[in-house]
């Protein structure tokens, strides 16, 4: 899980939002941020189930008006033998829902 993961999420194939995840696994817990920079969003929790390589990422952000927005991404870790692993599946941000895909850089 450690590394910088980049990709996108969105409700359709043409409506996409770039996303970068920076994560660090210390052997027990995963910590990190979404979209590093001045508006970075700290990860609230990351759960990895190694029995089936599924991942759930949660964070709390603010929308442009300043209202709280919960983010939850759930997916499957693929190509685990490769340095450039992938996570794909479902992204929810507030009321918006779509698919996402990120690849470790």
PDB file of N, CA and C in Angstrom:
ATOM      1  N   UNK A   1       0.815  -1.196   0.000  1.00  0.00           N
ATOM      2  CA  UNK A   1       0.000   0.000   0.000  1.00  0.00           C
ATOM      3  C   UNK A   1       0.857   1.258   0.000  1.00  0.00           C
ATOM      4  N   UNK A   2       2.083   1.154   0.497  1.00  0.00           N
ATOM      5  CA  UNK A   2       2.946   2.329   0.555  1.00  0.00           C
ATOM      6  C   UNK A   2       3.250   2.845  -0.843  1.00  0.00           C
ATOM      7  N   UNK A   3       3.129   4.150  -1.014  1.00  0.00           N
ATOM      8  CA  UNK A   3       3.487   4.765  -2.279  1.00  0.00           C
ATOM      9  C   UNK A   3       2.505   5.834  -2.696  1.00  0.00           C
ATOM     10  N   UNK A   4       2.759   6.382  -3.865  1.00  0.00           N
ATOM     11  CA  UNK A   4       1.887   7.377  -4.478  1.00  0.00           C
ATOM     12  C   UNK A   4       1.071   6.669  -5.549  1.00  0.00           C
ATOM     13  N   UNK A   5      -0.233   6.812  -5.459  1.00  0.00           N
ATOM     14  CA  UNK A   5      -1.171   6.181  -6.376  1.00  0.00           C
ATOM     15  C   UNK A   5      -1.898   7.292  -7.128  1.00  0.00           C
ATOM     16  N   UNK A   6      -1.967   7.203  -8.431  1.00  0.00           N
ATOM     17  CA  UNK A   6      -2.668   8.243  -9.182  1.00  0.00           C
ATOM     18  C   UNK A   6      -3.633   7.622 -10.172  1.00  0.00           C
ATOM     19  N   UNK A   7      -4.680   8.374 -10.437  1.00  0.00           N
ATOM     20  CA  UNK A   7      -5.706   7.911 -11.365  1.00  0.00           C
ATOM     21  C   UNK A   7      -6.869   8.866 -11.383  1.00  0.00           C
ATOM     22  N   UNK A   8      -8.077   8.324 -11.499  1.00  0.00           N
ATOM     23  CA  UNK A   8      -9.253   9.178 -11.561  1.00  0.00           C
ATOM     24  C   UNK A   8     -10.479   8.452 -11.042  1.00  0.00           C
ATOM     25  N   UNK A   9     -11.535   9.244 -10.832  1.00  0.00           N
ATOM     26  CA  UNK A   9     -12.835   8.711 -10.442  1.00  0.00           C
ATOM     27  C   UNK A   9     -13.896   9.565 -11.103  1.00  0.00           C
ATOM     28  N   UNK A  10     -15.077   8.984 -11.290  1.00  0.00           N
ATOM     29  CA  UNK A  10     -16.168   9.753 -11.859  1.00  0.00           C
ATOM     30  C   UNK A  10     -17.387   8.908 -12.133  1.00  0.00           C
ATOM     31  N   UNK A  11     -18.526   9.588 -12.379  1.00  0.00           N
ATOM     32  CA  UNK A  11     -19.788   8.884 -12.595  1.00  0.00           C
ATOM     33  C   UNK A  11     -19.921   8.273 -13.989  1.00  0.00           C
ATOM     34  N   UNK A  12     -19.153   8.768 -14.953  1.00  0.00           N
ATOM     35  CA  UNK A  12     -19.209   8.233 -16.319  1.00  0.00           C
ATOM     36  C   UNK A  12     -17.797   8.168 -16.882  1.00  0.00           C
ATOM     37  N   UNK A  13     -17.681   7.596 -18.055  1.00  0.00           N
ATOM     38  CA  UNK A  13     -16.377   7.508 -18.705  1.00  0.00           C
ATOM     39  C   UNK A  13     -15.829   8.849 -19.150  1.00  0.00           C
ATOM     40  N   UNK A  14     -16.707   9.857 -19.308  1.00  0.00           N
ATOM     41  CA  UNK A  14     -16.249  11.175 -19.747  1.00  0.00           C
ATOM     42  C   UNK A  14     -16.186  12.193 -18.619  1.00  0.00           C
ATOM     43  N   UNK A  15     -16.927  11.982 -17.541  1.00  0.00           N
ATOM     44  CA  UNK A  15     -16.869  12.883 -16.380  1.00  0.00           C
ATOM     45  C   UNK A  15     -15.914  12.286 -15.358  1.00  0.00           C
ATOM     46  N   UNK A  16     -14.649  12.752 -15.375  1.00  0.00           N
ATOM     47  CA  UNK A  16     -13.618  12.177 -14.524  1.00  0.00           C
ATOM     48  C   UNK A  16     -12.983  13.264 -13.662  1.00  0.00           C
ATOM     49  N   UNK A  17     -12.518  12.871 -12.487  1.00  0.00           N
ATOM     50  CA  UNK A  17     -11.806  13.754 -11.570  1.00  0.00           C
ATOM     51  C   UNK A  17     -10.467  13.110 -11.242  1.00  0.00           C
ATOM     52  N   UNK A  18      -9.386  13.847 -11.453  1.00  0.00           N
ATOM     53  CA  UNK A  18      -8.063  13.317 -11.121  1.00  0.00           C
ATOM     54  C   UNK A  18      -7.963  13.117  -9.616  1.00  0.00           C
ATOM     55  N   UNK A  19      -7.318  12.055  -9.194  1.00  0.00           N
ATOM     56  CA  UNK A  19      -7.099  11.802  -7.771  1.00  0.00           C
ATOM     57  C   UNK A  19      -5.693  11.230  -7.572  1.00  0.00           C
ATOM     58  N   UNK A  20      -5.038  11.698  -6.521  1.00  0.00           N
ATOM     59  CA  UNK A  20      -3.745  11.169  -6.101  1.00  0.00           C
ATOM     60  C   UNK A  20      -3.856  10.772  -4.640  1.00  0.00           C
ATOM     61  N   UNK A  21      -3.447   9.553  -4.332  1.00  0.00           N
ATOM     62  CA  UNK A  21      -3.405   9.062  -2.955  1.00  0.00           C
ATOM     63  C   UNK A  21      -1.944   8.838  -2.590  1.00  0.00           C
ATOM     64  N   UNK A  22      -1.536   9.338  -1.436  1.00  0.00           N
ATOM     65  CA  UNK A  22      -0.200   9.062  -0.915  1.00  0.00           C
ATOM     66  C   UNK A  22      -0.416   8.282   0.372  1.00  0.00           C
ATOM     67  N   UNK A  23       0.052   7.026   0.369  1.00  0.00           N
ATOM     68  CA  UNK A  23      -0.211   6.165   1.521  1.00  0.00           C
ATOM     69  C   UNK A  23       1.089   5.574   2.052  1.00  0.00           C
ATOM     70  N   UNK A  24       1.073   5.274   3.357  1.00  0.00           N
ATOM     71  CA  UNK A  24       2.205   4.642   4.007  1.00  0.00           C
ATOM     72  C   UNK A  24       1.684   3.538   4.924  1.00  0.00           C
ATOM     73  N   UNK A  25       2.217   2.338   4.759  1.00  0.00           N
ATOM     74  CA  UNK A  25       1.851   1.215   5.608  1.00  0.00           C
ATOM     75  C   UNK A  25       3.013   0.936   6.537  1.00  0.00           C
ATOM     76  N   UNK A  26       2.746   0.962   7.853  1.00  0.00           N
ATOM     77  CA  UNK A  26       3.811   0.742   8.844  1.00  0.00           C
ATOM     78  C   UNK A  26       3.872  -0.703   9.327  1.00  0.00           C
ATOM     79  N   UNK A  27       3.196  -1.605   8.644  1.00  0.00           N
ATOM     80  CA  UNK A  27       3.141  -2.995   9.046  1.00  0.00           C
ATOM     81  C   UNK A  27       1.853  -3.336   9.772  1.00  0.00           C
ATOM     82  N   UNK A  28       1.155  -2.329  10.272  1.00  0.00           N
ATOM     83  CA  UNK A  28      -0.116  -2.526  10.961  1.00  0.00           C
ATOM     84  C   UNK A  28      -1.201  -1.598  10.440  1.00  0.00           C
ATOM     85  N   UNK A  29      -0.848  -0.339  10.213  1.00  0.00           N
ATOM     86  CA  UNK A  29      -1.831   0.677   9.812  1.00  0.00           C
ATOM     87  C   UNK A  29      -1.394   1.375   8.540  1.00  0.00           C
ATOM     88  N   UNK A  30      -2.387   1.842   7.793  1.00  0.00           N
ATOM     89  CA  UNK A  30      -2.134   2.646   6.603  1.00  0.00           C
ATOM     90  C   UNK A  30      -2.577   4.068   6.913  1.00  0.00           C
ATOM     91  N   UNK A  31      -1.703   5.025   6.658  1.00  0.00           N
ATOM     92  CA  UNK A  31      -2.014   6.444   6.816  1.00  0.00           C
ATOM     93  C   UNK A  31      -1.757   7.126   5.481  1.00  0.00           C
ATOM     94  N   UNK A  32      -2.242   8.361   5.354  1.00  0.00           N
ATOM     95  CA  UNK A  32      -1.963   9.072   4.122  1.00  0.00           C
ATOM     96  C   UNK A  32      -2.900  10.222   3.864  1.00  0.00           C
ATOM     97  N   UNK A  33      -2.844  10.713   2.625  1.00  0.00           N
ATOM     98  CA  UNK A  33      -3.641  11.859   2.207  1.00  0.00           C
ATOM     99  C   UNK A  33      -4.166  11.658   0.789  1.00  0.00           C
ATOM    100  N   UNK A  34      -5.236  12.379   0.486  1.00  0.00           N
ATOM    101  CA  UNK A  34      -5.780  12.457  -0.868  1.00  0.00           C
ATOM    102  C   UNK A  34      -5.383  13.812  -1.430  1.00  0.00           C
ATOM    103  N   UNK A  35      -4.881  13.827  -2.653  1.00  0.00           N
ATOM    104  CA  UNK A  35      -4.501  15.046  -3.370  1.00  0.00           C
ATOM    105  C   UNK A  35      -3.579  15.941  -2.544  1.00  0.00           C
ATOM    106  N   UNK A  36      -2.300  15.544  -2.424  1.00  0.00           N
ATOM    107  CA  UNK A  36      -1.347  16.347  -1.648  1.00  0.00           C
ATOM    108  C   UNK A  36      -1.298  17.786  -2.138  1.00  0.00           C
ATOM    109  N   UNK A  37      -1.038  18.674  -1.226  1.00  0.00           N
ATOM    110  CA  UNK A  37      -0.968  20.094  -1.544  1.00  0.00           C
ATOM    111  C   UNK A  37      -1.711  20.884  -0.493  1.00  0.00           C
ATOM    112  N   UNK A  38      -1.985  22.150  -0.768  1.00  0.00           N
ATOM    113  CA  UNK A  38      -2.623  23.003   0.236  1.00  0.00           C
ATOM    114  C   UNK A  38      -4.032  22.553   0.626  1.00  0.00           C
ATOM    115  N   UNK A  39      -4.720  21.823  -0.253  1.00  0.00           N
ATOM    116  CA  UNK A  39      -6.073  21.351   0.046  1.00  0.00           C
ATOM    117  C   UNK A  39      -6.108  19.840   0.282  1.00  0.00           C
ATOM    118  N   UNK A  40      -4.999  19.267   0.740  1.00  0.00           N
ATOM    119  CA  UNK A  40      -4.905  17.824   0.971  1.00  0.00           C
ATOM    120  C   UNK A  40      -5.964  17.369   1.973  1.00  0.00           C
ATOM    121  N   UNK A  41      -6.445  16.161   1.778  1.00  0.00           N
ATOM    122  CA  UNK A  41      -7.462  15.572   2.648  1.00  0.00           C
ATOM    123  C   UNK A  41      -6.827  14.385   3.369  1.00  0.00           C
ATOM    124  N   UNK A  42      -6.711  14.444   4.701  1.00  0.00           N
ATOM    125  CA  UNK A  42      -6.130  13.304   5.429  1.00  0.00           C
ATOM    126  C   UNK A  42      -7.056  12.087   5.362  1.00  0.00           C
ATOM    127  N   UNK A  43      -6.461  10.912   5.216  1.00  0.00           N
ATOM    128  CA  UNK A  43      -7.248   9.690   5.239  1.00  0.00           C
ATOM    129  C   UNK A  43      -7.691   9.427   6.668  1.00  0.00           C
ATOM    130  N   UNK A  44      -8.987   9.161   6.860  1.00  0.00           N
ATOM    131  CA  UNK A  44      -9.513   8.848   8.191  1.00  0.00           C
ATOM    132  C   UNK A  44      -9.240   7.391   8.531  1.00  0.00           C
ATOM    133  N   UNK A  45      -9.405   6.504   7.542  1.00  0.00           N
ATOM    134  CA  UNK A  45      -9.131   5.094   7.777  1.00  0.00           C
ATOM    135  C   UNK A  45      -8.885   4.386   6.456  1.00  0.00           C
ATOM    136  N   UNK A  46      -8.062   3.353   6.533  1.00  0.00           N
ATOM    137  CA  UNK A  46      -7.816   2.469   5.395  1.00  0.00           C
ATOM    138  C   UNK A  46      -7.869   1.043   5.937  1.00  0.00           C
ATOM    139  N   UNK A  47      -8.729   0.227   5.356  1.00  0.00           N
ATOM    140  CA  UNK A  47      -8.849  -1.157   5.774  1.00  0.00           C
ATOM    141  C   UNK A  47      -8.437  -2.039   4.607  1.00  0.00           C
ATOM    142  N   UNK A  48      -7.498  -2.940   4.835  1.00  0.00           N
ATOM    143  CA  UNK A  48      -7.033  -3.879   3.820  1.00  0.00           C
ATOM    144  C   UNK A  48      -7.326  -5.284   4.307  1.00  0.00           C
ATOM    145  N   UNK A  49      -8.097  -6.035   3.522  1.00  0.00           N
ATOM    146  CA  UNK A  49      -8.382  -7.428   3.829  1.00  0.00           C
ATOM    147  C   UNK A  49      -7.483  -8.287   2.940  1.00  0.00           C
ATOM    148  N   UNK A  50      -6.419  -8.846   3.524  1.00  0.00           N
ATOM    149  CA  UNK A  50      -5.445  -9.600   2.736  1.00  0.00           C
ATOM    150  C   UNK A  50      -5.960 -10.974   2.313  1.00  0.00           C
ATOM    151  N   UNK A  51      -7.100 -11.405   2.856  1.00  0.00           N
ATOM    152  CA  UNK A  51      -7.634 -12.700   2.432  1.00  0.00           C
ATOM    153  C   UNK A  51      -8.205 -12.633   1.019  1.00  0.00           C
ATOM    154  N   UNK A  52      -8.683 -11.449   0.605  1.00  0.00           N
ATOM    155  CA  UNK A  52      -9.210 -11.305  -0.750  1.00  0.00           C
ATOM    156  C   UNK A  52      -8.708 -10.037  -1.444  1.00  0.00           C
ATOM    157  N   UNK A  53      -7.748  -9.341  -0.814  1.00  0.00           N
ATOM    158  CA  UNK A  53      -7.113  -8.139  -1.353  1.00  0.00           C
ATOM    159  C   UNK A  53      -8.112  -7.027  -1.677  1.00  0.00           C
ATOM    160  N   UNK A  54      -9.084  -6.831  -0.790  1.00  0.00           N
ATOM    161  CA  UNK A  54      -9.995  -5.707  -0.939  1.00  0.00           C
ATOM    162  C   UNK A  54      -9.553  -4.575  -0.022  1.00  0.00           C
ATOM    163  N   UNK A  55      -9.869  -3.353  -0.428  1.00  0.00           N
ATOM    164  CA  UNK A  55      -9.439  -2.150   0.280  1.00  0.00           C
ATOM    165  C   UNK A  55     -10.643  -1.231   0.456  1.00  0.00           C
ATOM    166  N   UNK A  56     -10.760  -0.604   1.634  1.00  0.00           N
ATOM    167  CA  UNK A  56     -11.753   0.446   1.865  1.00  0.00           C
ATOM    168  C   UNK A  56     -11.015   1.654   2.413  1.00  0.00           C
ATOM    169  N   UNK A  57     -11.167   2.787   1.748  1.00  0.00           N
ATOM    170  CA  UNK A  57     -10.505   4.042   2.115  1.00  0.00           C
ATOM    171  C   UNK A  57     -11.592   5.044   2.467  1.00  0.00           C
ATOM    172  N   UNK A  58     -11.442   5.714   3.615  1.00  0.00           N
ATOM    173  CA  UNK A  58     -12.418   6.729   4.006  1.00  0.00           C
ATOM    174  C   UNK A  58     -11.704   8.011   4.406  1.00  0.00           C
ATOM    175  N   UNK A  59     -12.359   9.133   4.114  1.00  0.00           N
ATOM    176  CA  UNK A  59     -11.828  10.452   4.456  1.00  0.00           C
ATOM    177  C   UNK A  59     -12.991  11.433   4.555  1.00  0.00           C
ATOM    178  N   UNK A  60     -12.746  12.530   5.235  1.00  0.00           N
ATOM    179  CA  UNK A  60     -13.738  13.594   5.354  1.00  0.00           C
ATOM    180  C   UNK A  60     -13.154  14.877   4.790  1.00  0.00           C
ATOM    181  N   UNK A  61     -13.899  15.488   3.869  1.00  0.00           N
ATOM    182  CA  UNK A  61     -13.450  16.700   3.189  1.00  0.00           C
ATOM    183  C   UNK A  61     -14.525  17.762   3.311  1.00  0.00           C
ATOM    184  N   UNK A  62     -14.329  18.853   2.601  1.00  0.00           N
ATOM    185  CA  UNK A  62     -15.332  19.920   2.524  1.00  0.00           C
ATOM    186  C   UNK A  62     -15.591  20.202   1.051  1.00  0.00           C
ATOM    187  N   UNK A  63     -16.861  20.472   0.724  1.00  0.00           N
ATOM    188  CA  UNK A  63     -17.196  20.841  -0.644  1.00  0.00           C
ATOM    189  C   UNK A  63     -16.850  22.315  -0.843  1.00  0.00           C
ATOM    190  N   UNK A  64     -17.001  22.856  -2.056  1.00  0.00           N
ATOM    191  CA  UNK A  64     -16.634  24.252  -2.302  1.00  0.00           C
ATOM    192  C   UNK A  64     -17.341  25.259  -1.392  1.00  0.00           C
ATOM    193  N   UNK A  65     -18.532  24.911  -0.874  1.00  0.00           N
ATOM    194  CA  UNK A  65     -19.240  25.838   0.021  1.00  0.00           C
ATOM    195  C   UNK A  65     -18.786  25.705   1.471  1.00  0.00           C
ATOM    196  N   UNK A  66     -17.918  24.713   1.730  1.00  0.00           N
ATOM    197  CA  UNK A  66     -17.426  24.504   3.092  1.00  0.00           C
ATOM    198  C   UNK A  66     -18.191  23.465   3.880  1.00  0.00           C
ATOM    199  N   UNK A  67     -19.200  22.858   3.270  1.00  0.00           N
ATOM    200  CA  UNK A  67     -19.972  21.812   3.942  1.00  0.00           C
ATOM    201  C   UNK A  67     -19.184  20.505   3.965  1.00  0.00           C
ATOM    202  N   UNK A  68     -19.339  19.717   5.030  1.00  0.00           N
ATOM    203  CA  UNK A  68     -18.612  18.442   5.113  1.00  0.00           C
ATOM    204  C   UNK A  68     -19.080  17.436   4.065  1.00  0.00           C
ATOM    205  N   UNK A  69     -18.123  16.674   3.561  1.00  0.00           N
ATOM    206  CA  UNK A  69     -18.390  15.645   2.560  1.00  0.00           C
ATOM    207  C   UNK A  69     -17.595  14.403   2.944  1.00  0.00           C
ATOM    208  N   UNK A  70     -18.277  13.264   3.025  1.00  0.00           N
ATOM    209  CA  UNK A  70     -17.596  12.008   3.335  1.00  0.00           C
ATOM    210  C   UNK A  70     -17.182  11.334   2.032  1.00  0.00           C
ATOM    211  N   UNK A  71     -15.956  10.828   2.008  1.00  0.00           N
ATOM    212  CA  UNK A  71     -15.432  10.106   0.853  1.00  0.00           C
ATOM    213  C   UNK A  71     -15.213   8.662   1.265  1.00  0.00           C
ATOM    214  N   UNK A  72     -15.686   7.738   0.436  1.00  0.00           N
ATOM    215  CA  UNK A  72     -15.417   6.321   0.676  1.00  0.00           C
ATOM    216  C   UNK A  72     -15.113   5.655  -0.659  1.00  0.00           C
ATOM    217  N   UNK A  73     -13.951   5.026  -0.735  1.00  0.00           N
ATOM    218  CA  UNK A  73     -13.558   4.284  -1.921  1.00  0.00           C
ATOM    219  C   UNK A  73     -13.367   2.829  -1.517  1.00  0.00           C
ATOM    220  N   UNK A  74     -14.021   1.942  -2.248  1.00  0.00           N
ATOM    221  CA  UNK A  74     -13.890   0.511  -1.984  1.00  0.00           C
ATOM    222  C   UNK A  74     -13.461  -0.160  -3.269  1.00  0.00           C
ATOM    223  N   UNK A  75     -12.474  -1.043  -3.157  1.00  0.00           N
ATOM    224  CA  UNK A  75     -12.011  -1.688  -4.364  1.00  0.00           C
ATOM    225  C   UNK A  75     -11.178  -2.915  -4.111  1.00  0.00           C
ATOM    226  N   UNK A  76     -10.668  -3.443  -5.194  1.00  0.00           N
ATOM    227  CA  UNK A  76      -9.845  -4.644  -5.165  1.00  0.00           C
ATOM    228  C   UNK A  76      -8.450  -4.287  -5.623  1.00  0.00           C
ATOM    229  N   UNK A  77      -7.479  -4.787  -4.889  1.00  0.00           N
ATOM    230  CA  UNK A  77      -6.076  -4.606  -5.232  1.00  0.00           C
ATOM    231  C   UNK A  77      -5.718  -5.651  -6.277  1.00  0.00           C
ATOM    232  N   UNK A  78      -5.291  -5.199  -7.462  1.00  0.00           N
ATOM    233  CA  UNK A  78      -4.931  -6.096  -8.563  1.00  0.00           C
ATOM    234  C   UNK A  78      -3.453  -5.962  -8.881  1.00  0.00           C
ATOM    235  N   UNK A  79      -2.928  -6.960  -9.568  1.00  0.00           N
ATOM    236  CA  UNK A  79      -1.506  -6.988  -9.952  1.00  0.00           C
ATOM    237  C   UNK A  79      -0.614  -6.848  -8.722  1.00  0.00           C
ATOM    238  N   UNK A  80      -0.944  -7.574  -7.641  1.00  0.00           N
ATOM    239  CA  UNK A  80      -0.204  -7.399  -6.380  1.00  0.00           C
ATOM    240  C   UNK A  80       1.260  -7.793  -6.491  1.00  0.00           C
ATOM    241  N   UNK A  81       1.620  -8.582  -7.483  1.00  0.00           N
ATOM    242  CA  UNK A  81       3.018  -8.942  -7.688  1.00  0.00           C
ATOM    243  C   UNK A  81       3.806  -7.867  -8.411  1.00  0.00           C
ATOM    244  N   UNK A  82       3.118  -6.880  -8.952  1.00  0.00           N
ATOM    245  CA  UNK A  82       3.750  -5.805  -9.711  1.00  0.00           C
ATOM    246  C   UNK A  82       3.959  -4.581  -8.823  1.00  0.00           C
ATOM    247  N   UNK A  83       5.026  -3.836  -9.076  1.00  0.00           N
ATOM    248  CA  UNK A  83       5.223  -2.583  -8.358  1.00  0.00           C
ATOM    249  C   UNK A  83       4.077  -1.620  -8.680  1.00  0.00           C
ATOM    250  N   UNK A  84       3.594  -1.655  -9.916  1.00  0.00           N
ATOM    251  CA  UNK A  84       2.524  -0.761 -10.369  1.00  0.00           C
ATOM    252  C   UNK A  84       1.160  -1.408 -10.155  1.00  0.00           C
ATOM    253  N   UNK A  85       0.872  -1.732  -8.902  1.00  0.00           N
ATOM    254  CA  UNK A  85      -0.410  -2.327  -8.536  1.00  0.00           C
ATOM    255  C   UNK A  85      -1.550  -1.377  -8.860  1.00  0.00           C
ATOM    256  N   UNK A  86      -2.756  -1.933  -8.905  1.00  0.00           N
ATOM    257  CA  UNK A  86      -3.938  -1.126  -9.213  1.00  0.00           C
ATOM    258  C   UNK A  86      -5.009  -1.369  -8.162  1.00  0.00           C
ATOM    259  N   UNK A  87      -5.807  -0.336  -7.905  1.00  0.00           N
ATOM    260  CA  UNK A  87      -7.015  -0.474  -7.106  1.00  0.00           C
ATOM    261  C   UNK A  87      -8.152   0.071  -7.957  1.00  0.00           C
ATOM    262  N   UNK A  88      -9.222  -0.709  -8.123  1.00  0.00           N
ATOM    263  CA  UNK A  88     -10.376  -0.275  -8.914  1.00  0.00           C
ATOM    264  C   UNK A  88     -11.663  -0.686  -8.227  1.00  0.00           C
ATOM    265  N   UNK A  89     -12.718   0.061  -8.445  1.00  0.00           N
ATOM    266  CA  UNK A  89     -14.066  -0.318  -8.031  1.00  0.00           C
ATOM    267  C   UNK A  89     -14.947   0.922  -7.867  1.00  0.00           C
ATOM    268  N   UNK A  90     -15.409   1.225  -6.617  1.00  0.00           N
ATOM    269  CA  UNK A  90     -16.449   2.225  -6.388  1.00  0.00           C
ATOM    270  C   UNK A  90     -15.932   3.390  -5.548  1.00  0.00           C
ATOM    271  N   UNK A  91     -16.277   4.608  -5.954  1.00  0.00           N
ATOM    272  CA  UNK A  91     -15.917   5.833  -5.242  1.00  0.00           C
ATOM    273  C   UNK A  91     -17.206   6.579  -4.912  1.00  0.00           C
ATOM    274  N   UNK A  92     -17.354   6.974  -3.655  1.00  0.00           N
ATOM    275  CA  UNK A  92     -18.493   7.809  -3.243  1.00  0.00           C
ATOM    276  C   UNK A  92     -17.937   9.067  -2.602  1.00  0.00           C
ATOM    277  N   UNK A  93     -18.437  10.196  -3.037  1.00  0.00           N
ATOM    278  CA  UNK A  93     -18.022  11.481  -2.474  1.00  0.00           C
ATOM    279  C   UNK A  93     -19.288  12.297  -2.267  1.00  0.00           C
ATOM    280  N   UNK A  94     -19.740  12.345  -1.000  1.00  0.00           N
ATOM    281  CA  UNK A  94     -21.026  12.969  -0.717  1.00  0.00           C
ATOM    282  C   UNK A  94     -22.118  12.166  -1.391  1.00  0.00           C
ATOM    283  N   UNK A  95     -22.923  12.820  -2.220  1.00  0.00           N
ATOM    284  CA  UNK A  95     -23.998  12.120  -2.932  1.00  0.00           C
ATOM    285  C   UNK A  95     -23.557  11.602  -4.292  1.00  0.00           C
ATOM    286  N   UNK A  96     -22.352  11.986  -4.730  1.00  0.00           N
ATOM    287  CA  UNK A  96     -21.842  11.539  -6.025  1.00  0.00           C
ATOM    288  C   UNK A  96     -21.260  10.130  -5.898  1.00  0.00           C
ATOM    289  N   UNK A  97     -21.531   9.310  -6.910  1.00  0.00           N
ATOM    290  CA  UNK A  97     -21.027   7.950  -6.914  1.00  0.00           C
ATOM    291  C   UNK A  97     -20.501   7.627  -8.304  1.00  0.00           C
ATOM    292  N   UNK A  98     -19.392   6.919  -8.327  1.00  0.00           N
ATOM    293  CA  UNK A  98     -18.832   6.498  -9.609  1.00  0.00           C
ATOM    294  C   UNK A  98     -17.809   5.419  -9.403  1.00  0.00           C
ATOM    295  N   UNK A  99     -17.093   5.117 -10.470  1.00  0.00           N
ATOM    296  CA  UNK A  99     -16.033   4.148 -10.365  1.00  0.00           C
ATOM    297  C   UNK A  99     -14.705   4.883 -10.211  1.00  0.00           C
ATOM    298  N   UNK A 100     -13.678   4.165  -9.766  1.00  0.00           N
ATOM    299  CA  UNK A 100     -12.356   4.776  -9.688  1.00  0.00           C
ATOM    300  C   UNK A 100     -11.308   3.749 -10.050  1.00  0.00           C
ATOM    301  N   UNK A 101     -10.156   4.265 -10.433  1.00  0.00           N
ATOM    302  CA  UNK A 101      -8.989   3.416 -10.720  1.00  0.00           C
ATOM    303  C   UNK A 101      -7.746   4.229 -10.411  1.00  0.00           C
ATOM    304  N   UNK A 102      -6.882   3.649  -9.624  1.00  0.00           N
ATOM    305  CA  UNK A 102      -5.595   4.266  -9.323  1.00  0.00           C
ATOM    306  C   UNK A 102      -4.508   3.218  -9.499  1.00  0.00           C
ATOM    307  N   UNK A 103      -3.339   3.683  -9.895  1.00  0.00           N
ATOM    308  CA  UNK A 103      -2.181   2.824 -10.094  1.00  0.00           C
ATOM    309  C   UNK A 103      -1.027   3.396  -9.291  1.00  0.00           C
ATOM    310  N   UNK A 104      -0.282   2.519  -8.623  1.00  0.00           N
ATOM    311  CA  UNK A 104       0.871   3.000  -7.860  1.00  0.00           C
ATOM    312  C   UNK A 104       1.968   3.426  -8.828  1.00  0.00           C
ATOM    313  N   UNK A 105       2.449   4.656  -8.644  1.00  0.00           N
ATOM    314  CA  UNK A 105       3.491   5.221  -9.519  1.00  0.00           C
ATOM    315  C   UNK A 105       4.839   4.579  -9.234  1.00  0.00           C
TER     316      UNK A 105
END
